[in-house]
């Protein structure tokens, strides 16, 4: 009976060893290099590598050491790093006047209180007071202490069309830093009114913003709002390569994504100048499901003041989709017979792993049956904090990505499954034999003395 017990235990041990995951169980293996302070390392997963996963939530991501042993890891995603709180504030605005629309930055005197609240903006010289070309506005954001995320403007109804301006930031009203360009619009199209009021800001703090219109007089503002955030730990967007689509019918196109993805933004190629296209975007996860509306937008590429003004992006809610469909109102001229090229953007994902054993380390992806094995960051790193994440060692893709043919992988998986079934069968037979032996021993009459 003792020998049988040892045999059964040995079979159990062998079973679990054989059933343990190995790099060969995944279709894609990516060599990694590490640098900096360990034993924890963080890796920003390239989008091309993420697309090798067979599961949208990256449940089939693993890291192995040189001996093929799996490493403990966590995924740092946008869902766990969302901005803590947002606040929208109406701010005061002050006009900037110049001699003409060619002057880049109007010469002005700006006065503020000791607390930083803006009191007055007036021409630098009295001779300029009579020049009434409105070139821009100064916004007073001195009461906002959090990083600025978005600007929202409204202006006089008499001034339709595009409004394009430069954005500069300052804390002392003397030194100004460029924050790029902004564009808002109010358009009438096919008995509809399309308005774009919001402009993204870089997520930095500033007491004052200066908006200067380029090559045209500024409109009369009726509202100016700034959205701020107390903390912004959101990871950046990463963009895909162009996708080729299919024309379903006139004004309707579809694109198949490589896998299910939480898409947050799209960029539609607008090849022809003077393109104007109101669009509706829909998505779905399975080909047999009904299309679900995701967003509406106005796409355009228009010539203005000798340059192209382009709006080719669509904001999405971040739902997981595998297929996208674009419907175009062709009263604007449409987007052509062929489906336009499409780029999509998703949030970058960081993988943090605890290095155990010897390098080199290998990232493995691509196993439709793998179960999620990632830990929470607070479990992987006992004294975890968001600040500490930036101090961890770095891991990077190093070398060629090895991809196994799905057909070969399927064959390997099938063989592995037969082995597992066989081992379980042997194990059950062993347990049954052990039980039968114990039963026979219990039924055997005691030996007379």
Protein backbone atom coordinates (compact mmCIF):
# COMPACT_ATOMS: atom_id res chain seq x y z
CA UNK A 1 0.00 0.00 0.00
CA UNK A 2 2.91 2.38 0.78
CA UNK A 3 4.36 1.85 -2.67
CA UNK A 4 1.00 2.61 -4.26
CA UNK A 5 0.70 5.85 -2.30
CA UNK A 6 4.16 6.92 -3.43
CA UNK A 7 3.23 6.14 -7.03
CA UNK A 8 0.02 8.15 -6.84
CA UNK A 9 1.83 11.14 -5.33
CA UNK A 10 4.45 10.88 -8.06
CA UNK A 11 1.77 10.89 -10.73
CA UNK A 12 0.15 13.97 -9.20
CA UNK A 13 3.49 15.80 -9.17
CA UNK A 14 4.21 14.85 -12.77
CA UNK A 15 0.74 15.94 -13.80
CA UNK A 16 1.11 19.43 -12.41
CA UNK A 17 4.62 19.84 -13.79
CA UNK A 18 3.45 18.86 -17.28
CA UNK A 19 0.40 21.08 -17.04
CA UNK A 20 2.47 24.17 -16.12
CA UNK A 21 2.51 26.88 -18.78
CA UNK A 22 5.61 27.29 -20.91
CA UNK A 23 6.62 29.79 -23.62
CA UNK A 24 5.76 27.20 -26.27
CA UNK A 25 2.10 27.37 -25.17
CA UNK A 26 1.87 30.88 -26.66
CA UNK A 27 1.94 31.90 -30.31
CA UNK A 28 4.24 34.91 -29.82
CA UNK A 29 7.50 35.18 -27.87
CA UNK A 30 9.20 38.55 -27.48
CA UNK A 31 12.75 38.78 -26.05
CA UNK A 32 13.22 41.43 -23.36
CA UNK A 33 16.21 43.33 -21.99
CA UNK A 34 16.21 44.94 -18.54
CA UNK A 35 18.05 47.93 -17.09
CA UNK A 36 17.94 50.02 -13.94
CA UNK A 37 17.02 49.02 -10.43
CA UNK A 38 15.27 45.68 -9.94
CA UNK A 39 13.84 43.36 -8.96
CA UNK A 40 10.71 44.99 -10.43
CA UNK A 41 10.75 46.08 -14.05
CA UNK A 42 8.13 47.91 -16.08
CA UNK A 43 7.54 47.44 -19.77
CA UNK A 44 5.37 49.66 -21.96
CA UNK A 45 3.73 47.16 -24.28
CA UNK A 46 4.08 48.25 -27.92
CA UNK A 47 0.75 48.22 -29.73
CA UNK A 48 2.11 45.81 -32.36
CA UNK A 49 2.94 43.38 -29.56
CA UNK A 50 -0.43 43.82 -27.84
CA UNK A 51 -2.16 42.87 -31.08
CA UNK A 52 -0.56 39.43 -30.81
CA UNK A 53 -2.74 38.67 -27.78
CA UNK A 54 -5.74 36.39 -28.29
CA UNK A 55 -7.76 38.00 -25.49
CA UNK A 56 -8.90 41.63 -25.40
CA UNK A 57 -8.13 42.01 -21.68
CA UNK A 58 -4.57 40.63 -22.17
CA UNK A 59 -5.30 37.61 -19.96
CA UNK A 60 -2.88 35.62 -22.12
CA UNK A 61 0.19 37.77 -21.37
CA UNK A 62 3.05 36.10 -19.50
CA UNK A 63 6.73 36.73 -18.70
CA UNK A 64 9.21 33.82 -18.46
CA UNK A 65 12.84 33.67 -17.34
CA UNK A 66 15.66 31.77 -19.07
CA UNK A 67 14.53 28.49 -17.45
CA UNK A 68 10.97 28.94 -18.76
CA UNK A 69 9.58 29.76 -15.32
CA UNK A 70 6.64 32.22 -15.21
CA UNK A 71 7.20 35.52 -13.41
CA UNK A 72 4.73 37.31 -11.16
CA UNK A 73 3.36 40.38 -12.97
CA UNK A 74 0.75 43.14 -12.95
CA UNK A 75 -0.85 45.21 -15.68
CA UNK A 76 -0.99 48.97 -15.22
CA UNK A 77 -3.99 50.12 -17.22
CA UNK A 78 -5.88 53.36 -17.77
CA UNK A 79 -8.86 51.99 -15.84
CA UNK A 80 -6.77 51.98 -12.65
CA UNK A 81 -5.20 55.38 -13.34
CA UNK A 82 -8.12 57.63 -14.23
CA UNK A 83 -8.02 61.24 -13.20
CA UNK A 84 -9.26 61.60 -9.62
CA UNK A 85 -11.49 64.65 -10.11
CA UNK A 86 -12.33 67.19 -12.77
CA UNK A 87 -13.54 70.76 -12.35
CA UNK A 88 -14.96 73.22 -14.89
CA UNK A 89 -14.59 76.93 -14.09
CA UNK A 90 -15.93 80.01 -15.87
CA UNK A 91 -13.01 82.41 -16.20
CA UNK A 92 -12.76 86.12 -16.99
CA UNK A 93 -11.45 87.24 -20.36
CA UNK A 94 -9.80 90.50 -21.45
CA UNK A 95 -9.52 91.74 -25.07
CA UNK A 96 -6.26 92.23 -26.96
CA UNK A 97 -6.25 94.96 -29.62
CA UNK A 98 -3.63 95.58 -32.31
CA UNK A 99 -2.98 97.90 -35.23
CA UNK A 100 -3.89 95.22 -37.75
CA UNK A 101 -4.28 91.46 -38.19
CA UNK A 102 -0.65 91.03 -39.24
CA UNK A 103 0.80 91.88 -35.83
CA UNK A 104 1.77 88.60 -34.15
CA UNK A 105 1.47 89.61 -30.49
CA UNK A 106 -0.25 92.87 -29.56
CA UNK A 107 1.72 95.24 -27.35
CA UNK A 108 -0.25 95.54 -24.12
CA UNK A 109 0.08 96.33 -20.43
CA UNK A 110 -1.41 93.76 -18.07
CA UNK A 111 -2.16 94.52 -14.43
CA UNK A 112 -2.90 92.00 -11.70
CA UNK A 113 -3.49 92.03 -7.94
CA UNK A 114 -0.97 90.67 -5.44
CA UNK A 115 -2.95 87.42 -5.45
CA UNK A 116 -2.57 87.18 -9.23
CA UNK A 117 -6.10 88.09 -10.29
CA UNK A 118 -6.04 89.98 -13.57
CA UNK A 119 -7.50 93.51 -13.39
CA UNK A 120 -6.79 95.25 -16.68
CA UNK A 121 -5.43 94.73 -20.17
CA UNK A 122 -4.81 97.91 -22.20
CA UNK A 123 -2.65 99.02 -25.17
CA UNK A 124 1.01 99.67 -24.35
CA UNK A 125 0.90 103.13 -25.98
CA UNK A 126 -1.86 105.70 -25.92
CA UNK A 127 -1.58 106.12 -29.70
CA UNK A 128 -2.78 102.57 -30.10
CA UNK A 129 -5.96 103.11 -28.14
CA UNK A 130 -7.90 104.08 -31.22
CA UNK A 131 -6.94 100.99 -33.17
CA UNK A 132 -9.86 98.68 -32.78
CA UNK A 133 -8.74 95.48 -34.47
CA UNK A 134 -9.56 92.72 -31.98
CA UNK A 135 -6.69 90.22 -32.16
CA UNK A 136 -7.31 87.94 -29.20
CA UNK A 137 -8.03 87.44 -25.55
CA UNK A 138 -6.23 86.92 -22.23
CA UNK A 139 -7.92 84.44 -19.87
CA UNK A 140 -7.46 84.72 -16.11
CA UNK A 141 -6.86 81.22 -14.69
CA UNK A 142 -5.15 82.42 -11.51
CA UNK A 143 -7.85 80.89 -9.27
CA UNK A 144 -7.26 77.41 -10.74
CA UNK A 145 -4.47 75.48 -9.03
CA UNK A 146 -4.78 72.16 -10.88
CA UNK A 147 -3.36 71.26 -14.33
CA UNK A 148 -5.47 72.60 -17.21
CA UNK A 149 -6.96 69.91 -19.43
CA UNK A 150 -9.44 71.62 -21.75
CA UNK A 151 -10.56 75.04 -22.97
CA UNK A 152 -14.16 75.69 -24.01
CA UNK A 153 -15.14 78.88 -25.86
CA UNK A 154 -18.36 80.40 -27.10
CA UNK A 155 -18.57 83.53 -29.25
CA UNK A 156 -20.92 85.89 -31.02
CA UNK A 157 -23.51 84.25 -33.28
CA UNK A 158 -22.68 86.70 -36.07
CA UNK A 159 -19.23 85.16 -36.53
CA UNK A 160 -19.67 81.67 -37.96
CA UNK A 161 -16.97 79.52 -39.55
CA UNK A 162 -13.58 78.41 -38.27
CA UNK A 163 -11.71 80.20 -35.51
CA UNK A 164 -8.01 79.33 -35.40
CA UNK A 165 -5.66 80.79 -32.77
CA UNK A 166 -2.37 80.25 -30.96
CA UNK A 167 -2.35 79.38 -27.25
CA UNK A 168 0.30 80.69 -24.86
CA UNK A 169 0.63 80.28 -21.09
CA UNK A 170 2.26 82.43 -18.41
CA UNK A 171 2.55 82.72 -14.63
CA UNK A 172 3.89 86.30 -14.49
CA UNK A 173 2.33 88.02 -17.53
CA UNK A 174 5.85 88.67 -18.85
CA UNK A 175 7.16 85.33 -20.09
CA UNK A 176 4.89 83.29 -22.35
CA UNK A 177 5.23 79.62 -23.31
CA UNK A 178 3.63 78.22 -26.44
CA UNK A 179 0.94 75.58 -25.88
CA UNK A 180 0.33 75.04 -29.59
CA UNK A 181 -2.68 75.99 -31.68
CA UNK A 182 -6.41 75.74 -31.06
CA UNK A 183 -9.38 75.61 -33.36
CA UNK A 184 -13.10 75.97 -32.77
CA UNK A 185 -15.88 76.18 -35.35
CA UNK A 186 -19.54 76.90 -35.91
CA UNK A 187 -20.85 75.65 -39.25
CA UNK A 188 -24.21 75.34 -40.96
CA UNK A 189 -24.66 72.26 -43.12
CA UNK A 190 -27.72 70.64 -44.73
CA UNK A 191 -30.20 72.42 -42.44
CA UNK A 192 -28.08 71.40 -39.45
CA UNK A 193 -25.76 73.39 -37.22
CA UNK A 194 -22.43 71.81 -36.26
CA UNK A 195 -20.46 73.41 -33.44
CA UNK A 196 -17.04 72.62 -31.99
CA UNK A 197 -16.26 74.56 -28.80
CA UNK A 198 -13.57 72.51 -27.02
CA UNK A 199 -9.78 72.57 -27.35
CA UNK A 200 -7.46 70.15 -25.58
CA UNK A 201 -4.72 71.58 -23.34
CA UNK A 202 -1.45 69.83 -22.35
CA UNK A 203 -2.35 69.13 -18.72
CA UNK A 204 -0.02 71.73 -17.21
CA UNK A 205 -0.67 74.50 -14.71
CA UNK A 206 -0.69 78.20 -15.68
CA UNK A 207 -2.13 81.40 -14.23
CA UNK A 208 -2.93 83.02 -17.54
CA UNK A 209 -3.66 81.98 -21.11
CA UNK A 210 -3.23 84.21 -24.15
CA UNK A 211 -5.21 83.42 -27.31
CA UNK A 212 -4.11 85.24 -30.49
CA UNK A 213 -6.01 84.79 -33.75
CA UNK A 214 -3.91 84.14 -36.84
CA UNK A 215 -4.44 86.28 -39.93
CA UNK A 216 -7.96 87.33 -38.94
CA UNK A 217 -9.76 89.40 -36.35
CA UNK A 218 -10.81 87.56 -33.20
CA UNK A 219 -14.51 86.97 -32.52
CA UNK A 220 -16.31 88.53 -29.58
CA UNK A 221 -16.30 85.96 -26.78
CA UNK A 222 -19.48 85.27 -24.82
CA UNK A 223 -18.10 82.47 -22.61
CA UNK A 224 -14.73 80.98 -21.61
CA UNK A 225 -14.37 77.88 -19.45
CA UNK A 226 -11.37 75.88 -18.33
CA UNK A 227 -11.49 72.27 -17.21
CA UNK A 228 -8.82 71.21 -14.73
CA UNK A 229 -7.89 67.97 -12.95
CA UNK A 230 -6.47 67.49 -9.47
CA UNK A 231 -4.25 64.67 -10.72
CA UNK A 232 -3.72 63.19 -14.13
CA UNK A 233 -2.03 59.81 -14.23
CA UNK A 234 -3.56 58.73 -17.52
CA UNK A 235 -1.28 56.85 -19.84
CA UNK A 236 -0.77 58.23 -23.37
CA UNK A 237 -2.56 57.05 -26.48
CA UNK A 238 -0.74 54.80 -28.95
CA UNK A 239 -1.73 54.81 -32.62
CA UNK A 240 -1.97 51.88 -34.99
CA UNK A 241 -0.75 51.56 -38.55
CA UNK A 242 -3.38 52.36 -41.24
CA UNK A 243 -6.14 49.77 -41.65
CA UNK A 244 -7.66 48.94 -45.03
CA UNK A 245 -11.44 48.97 -44.98
CA UNK A 246 -14.35 47.67 -47.05
CA UNK A 247 -17.06 49.68 -48.81
CA UNK A 248 -20.42 48.17 -47.82
CA UNK A 249 -22.52 50.49 -49.96
CA UNK A 250 -22.64 54.16 -50.95
CA UNK A 251 -21.51 56.22 -47.97
CA UNK A 252 -20.92 53.21 -45.70
CA UNK A 253 -17.58 51.58 -44.84
CA UNK A 254 -16.34 49.00 -42.34
CA UNK A 255 -13.00 47.95 -40.82
CA UNK A 256 -12.03 44.74 -39.04
CA UNK A 257 -9.69 45.22 -36.06
CA UNK A 258 -6.94 42.68 -35.39
CA UNK A 259 -8.60 41.76 -32.07
CA UNK A 260 -11.06 43.17 -29.55
CA UNK A 261 -9.74 46.57 -28.43
CA UNK A 262 -10.88 49.45 -26.21
CA UNK A 263 -10.60 52.08 -28.93
CA UNK A 264 -10.65 55.71 -27.70
CA UNK A 265 -9.94 57.65 -30.88
CA UNK A 266 -9.98 57.21 -34.65
CA UNK A 267 -8.24 59.08 -37.45
CA UNK A 268 -9.89 58.88 -40.88
CA UNK A 269 -7.73 59.67 -43.91
CA UNK A 270 -9.16 62.60 -45.91
CA UNK A 271 -7.30 62.55 -49.21
CA UNK A 272 -9.14 65.23 -51.16
CA UNK A 273 -9.04 68.94 -50.28
CA UNK A 274 -12.38 70.63 -49.51
CA UNK A 275 -13.90 67.47 -48.03
CA UNK A 276 -16.84 67.92 -45.65
CA UNK A 277 -18.40 64.80 -44.14
CA UNK A 278 -20.84 64.50 -41.22
CA UNK A 279 -20.39 60.89 -40.01
CA UNK A 280 -21.88 58.37 -37.60
CA UNK A 281 -19.63 55.67 -36.19
CA UNK A 282 -20.85 52.30 -34.91
CA UNK A 283 -19.11 49.23 -33.52
CA UNK A 284 -19.65 45.65 -32.41
CA UNK A 285 -17.71 42.80 -30.79
CA UNK A 286 -19.08 39.88 -32.84
CA UNK A 287 -20.05 39.72 -36.50
CA UNK A 288 -23.48 38.31 -35.60
CA UNK A 289 -24.29 41.18 -33.23
CA UNK A 290 -26.22 44.32 -34.08
CA UNK A 291 -24.25 47.52 -34.64
CA UNK A 292 -24.14 49.85 -31.62
CA UNK A 293 -23.79 53.63 -32.18
CA UNK A 294 -20.57 55.03 -30.72
CA UNK A 295 -20.15 58.63 -31.88
CA UNK A 296 -21.11 61.40 -34.30
CA UNK A 297 -18.63 63.86 -35.78
CA UNK A 298 -17.97 66.32 -38.56
CA UNK A 299 -14.84 65.51 -40.56
CA UNK A 300 -13.36 68.09 -42.87
CA UNK A 301 -10.32 69.16 -44.85
CA UNK A 302 -10.86 72.70 -46.05
CA UNK A 303 -8.62 75.38 -47.53
CA UNK A 304 -8.53 78.58 -45.50
CA UNK A 305 -6.10 81.47 -45.82
CA UNK A 306 -3.85 79.41 -48.08
CA UNK A 307 -3.57 76.39 -45.78
CA UNK A 308 -5.52 73.22 -45.05
CA UNK A 309 -7.70 73.16 -41.95
CA UNK A 310 -8.18 69.51 -40.99
CA UNK A 311 -10.44 67.75 -38.50
CA UNK A 312 -10.01 64.01 -39.13
CA UNK A 313 -10.37 62.52 -35.64
CA UNK A 314 -13.36 60.95 -33.89
CA UNK A 315 -13.54 60.57 -30.11
CA UNK A 316 -14.90 57.22 -28.87
CA UNK A 317 -16.12 56.05 -25.43
CA UNK A 318 -13.48 53.28 -25.12
CA UNK A 319 -15.79 50.28 -25.54
CA UNK A 320 -14.24 46.98 -26.65
CA UNK A 321 -14.97 46.41 -30.35
CA UNK A 322 -13.62 44.17 -33.08
CA UNK A 323 -15.40 45.81 -36.02
CA UNK A 324 -16.18 49.44 -36.90
CA UNK A 325 -18.62 50.97 -39.36
CA UNK A 326 -18.67 54.55 -40.66
CA UNK A 327 -21.81 56.04 -42.21
CA UNK A 328 -21.34 59.28 -44.16
CA UNK A 329 -23.96 61.89 -44.99
CA UNK A 330 -23.17 62.15 -48.70
CA UNK A 331 -24.85 65.52 -49.09
CA UNK A 332 -21.39 66.87 -48.24
CA UNK A 333 -19.84 65.04 -51.20
CA UNK A 334 -18.91 61.79 -49.43
CA UNK A 335 -15.50 60.16 -48.98
CA UNK A 336 -15.20 58.38 -52.32
CA UNK A 337 -15.76 54.88 -53.68
CA UNK A 338 -12.92 53.21 -51.79
CA UNK A 339 -12.93 52.98 -48.01
CA UNK A 340 -10.52 55.54 -46.50
CA UNK A 341 -7.57 54.33 -44.46
CA UNK A 342 -8.24 54.26 -40.73
CA UNK A 343 -5.93 54.53 -37.72
CA UNK A 344 -7.12 53.73 -34.22
CA UNK A 345 -5.71 54.71 -30.83
CA UNK A 346 -5.81 52.82 -27.54
CA UNK A 347 -4.33 53.57 -24.13
CA UNK A 348 -0.78 52.41 -23.61
CA UNK A 349 -0.51 49.48 -21.21
CA UNK A 350 2.40 48.95 -18.84
CA UNK A 351 3.39 45.52 -17.60
CA UNK A 352 5.32 45.31 -14.33
CA UNK A 353 7.00 42.02 -13.39
CA UNK A 354 9.06 40.74 -10.48
CA UNK A 355 12.28 39.26 -11.88
CA UNK A 356 13.01 35.79 -10.48
CA UNK A 357 15.68 33.46 -11.78
CA UNK A 358 18.17 34.23 -14.51
CA UNK A 359 17.73 36.38 -17.62
CA UNK A 360 17.08 36.67 -20.48
CA UNK A 361 13.37 37.23 -19.93
CA UNK A 362 10.72 36.57 -22.55
CA UNK A 363 7.30 38.12 -23.01
CA UNK A 364 4.76 35.61 -24.31
CA UNK A 365 1.29 36.27 -25.78
CA UNK A 366 -1.31 34.44 -27.79
CA UNK A 367 -3.24 31.68 -26.02
CA UNK A 368 -7.02 31.76 -26.29
CA UNK A 369 -7.49 29.34 -23.38
CA UNK A 370 -5.10 30.97 -20.89
CA UNK A 371 -6.58 32.27 -17.66
CA UNK A 372 -5.71 35.68 -16.23
CA UNK A 373 -2.66 35.43 -13.96
CA UNK A 374 -1.85 39.08 -13.26
CA UNK A 375 -1.77 40.46 -9.72
CA UNK A 376 -2.84 43.89 -8.45
CA UNK A 377 0.08 46.31 -8.37
CA UNK A 378 -0.34 46.72 -4.61
CA UNK A 379 0.14 42.96 -4.21
CA UNK A 380 3.07 42.67 -6.59
CA UNK A 381 4.82 45.65 -4.94
CA UNK A 382 3.95 45.64 -1.20
CA UNK A 383 4.75 49.36 -0.66
CA UNK A 384 3.39 50.42 -4.05
CA UNK A 385 2.62 54.04 -4.84
CA UNK A 386 2.02 55.84 -8.12
CA UNK A 387 5.23 57.81 -7.62
CA UNK A 388 7.27 54.66 -7.11
CA UNK A 389 6.12 53.23 -10.44
CA UNK A 390 8.32 55.74 -12.25
CA UNK A 391 11.41 54.66 -10.28
CA UNK A 392 11.26 50.97 -11.26
CA UNK A 393 13.74 49.37 -13.63
CA UNK A 394 12.90 49.35 -17.33
CA UNK A 395 12.29 46.43 -19.66
CA UNK A 396 12.34 46.81 -23.44
CA UNK A 397 11.72 44.65 -26.48
CA UNK A 398 15.13 43.42 -27.63
CA UNK A 399 15.44 41.40 -30.81
CA UNK A 400 13.18 39.57 -33.20
CA UNK A 401 9.62 38.63 -32.29
CA UNK A 402 9.07 34.89 -32.72
CA UNK A 403 5.62 33.92 -33.98
CA UNK A 404 4.40 30.34 -34.04
CA UNK A 405 1.89 29.29 -36.67
CA UNK A 406 -1.60 28.94 -35.13
CA UNK A 407 -1.95 25.57 -36.82
CA UNK A 408 1.22 24.28 -35.19
CA UNK A 409 0.13 25.74 -31.88
CA UNK A 410 -3.21 24.00 -32.16
CA UNK A 411 -1.48 20.70 -32.77
CA UNK A 412 0.79 21.23 -29.79
CA UNK A 413 -2.16 22.15 -27.61
CA UNK A 414 -4.05 19.07 -28.76
CA UNK A 415 -1.14 16.83 -27.91
CA UNK A 416 -0.75 18.51 -24.58
CA UNK A 417 -4.43 18.02 -23.83
CA UNK A 418 -4.19 14.27 -24.62
CA UNK A 419 -1.26 14.02 -22.23
CA UNK A 420 -3.25 15.78 -19.54
CA UNK A 421 -6.26 13.53 -20.12
CA UNK A 422 -4.03 10.47 -19.97
CA UNK A 423 -2.40 11.59 -16.75
CA UNK A 424 -5.74 12.30 -15.15
CA UNK A 425 -6.95 8.87 -16.21
CA UNK A 426 -3.89 7.20 -14.69
CA UNK A 427 -4.30 9.28 -11.55
CA UNK A 428 -7.96 8.30 -11.17
CA UNK A 429 -7.12 4.64 -11.76
CA UNK A 430 -4.41 4.88 -9.12
CA UNK A 431 -6.79 6.45 -6.62
CA UNK A 432 -9.37 3.76 -7.39
CA UNK A 433 -6.75 1.04 -6.88
CA UNK A 434 -5.69 2.64 -3.63
CA UNK A 435 -9.29 2.75 -2.46
CA UNK A 436 -9.86 -0.88 -3.46
CA UNK A 437 -6.76 -1.98 -1.54
CA UNK A 438 -7.86 -0.06 1.54
CA UNK A 439 -11.34 -1.57 1.30
CA UNK A 440 -9.97 -5.10 0.99
CA UNK A 441 -7.73 -4.57 4.00
CA UNK A 442 -10.66 -3.36 6.07
CA UNK A 443 -12.78 -6.38 5.10
CA UNK A 444 -10.03 -8.92 5.75
CA UNK A 445 -10.76 -10.83 9.01
CA UNK A 446 -8.21 -10.36 11.76
CA UNK A 447 -5.59 -13.07 12.12
CA UNK A 448 -6.28 -15.41 15.04
CA UNK A 449 -3.58 -15.51 17.71
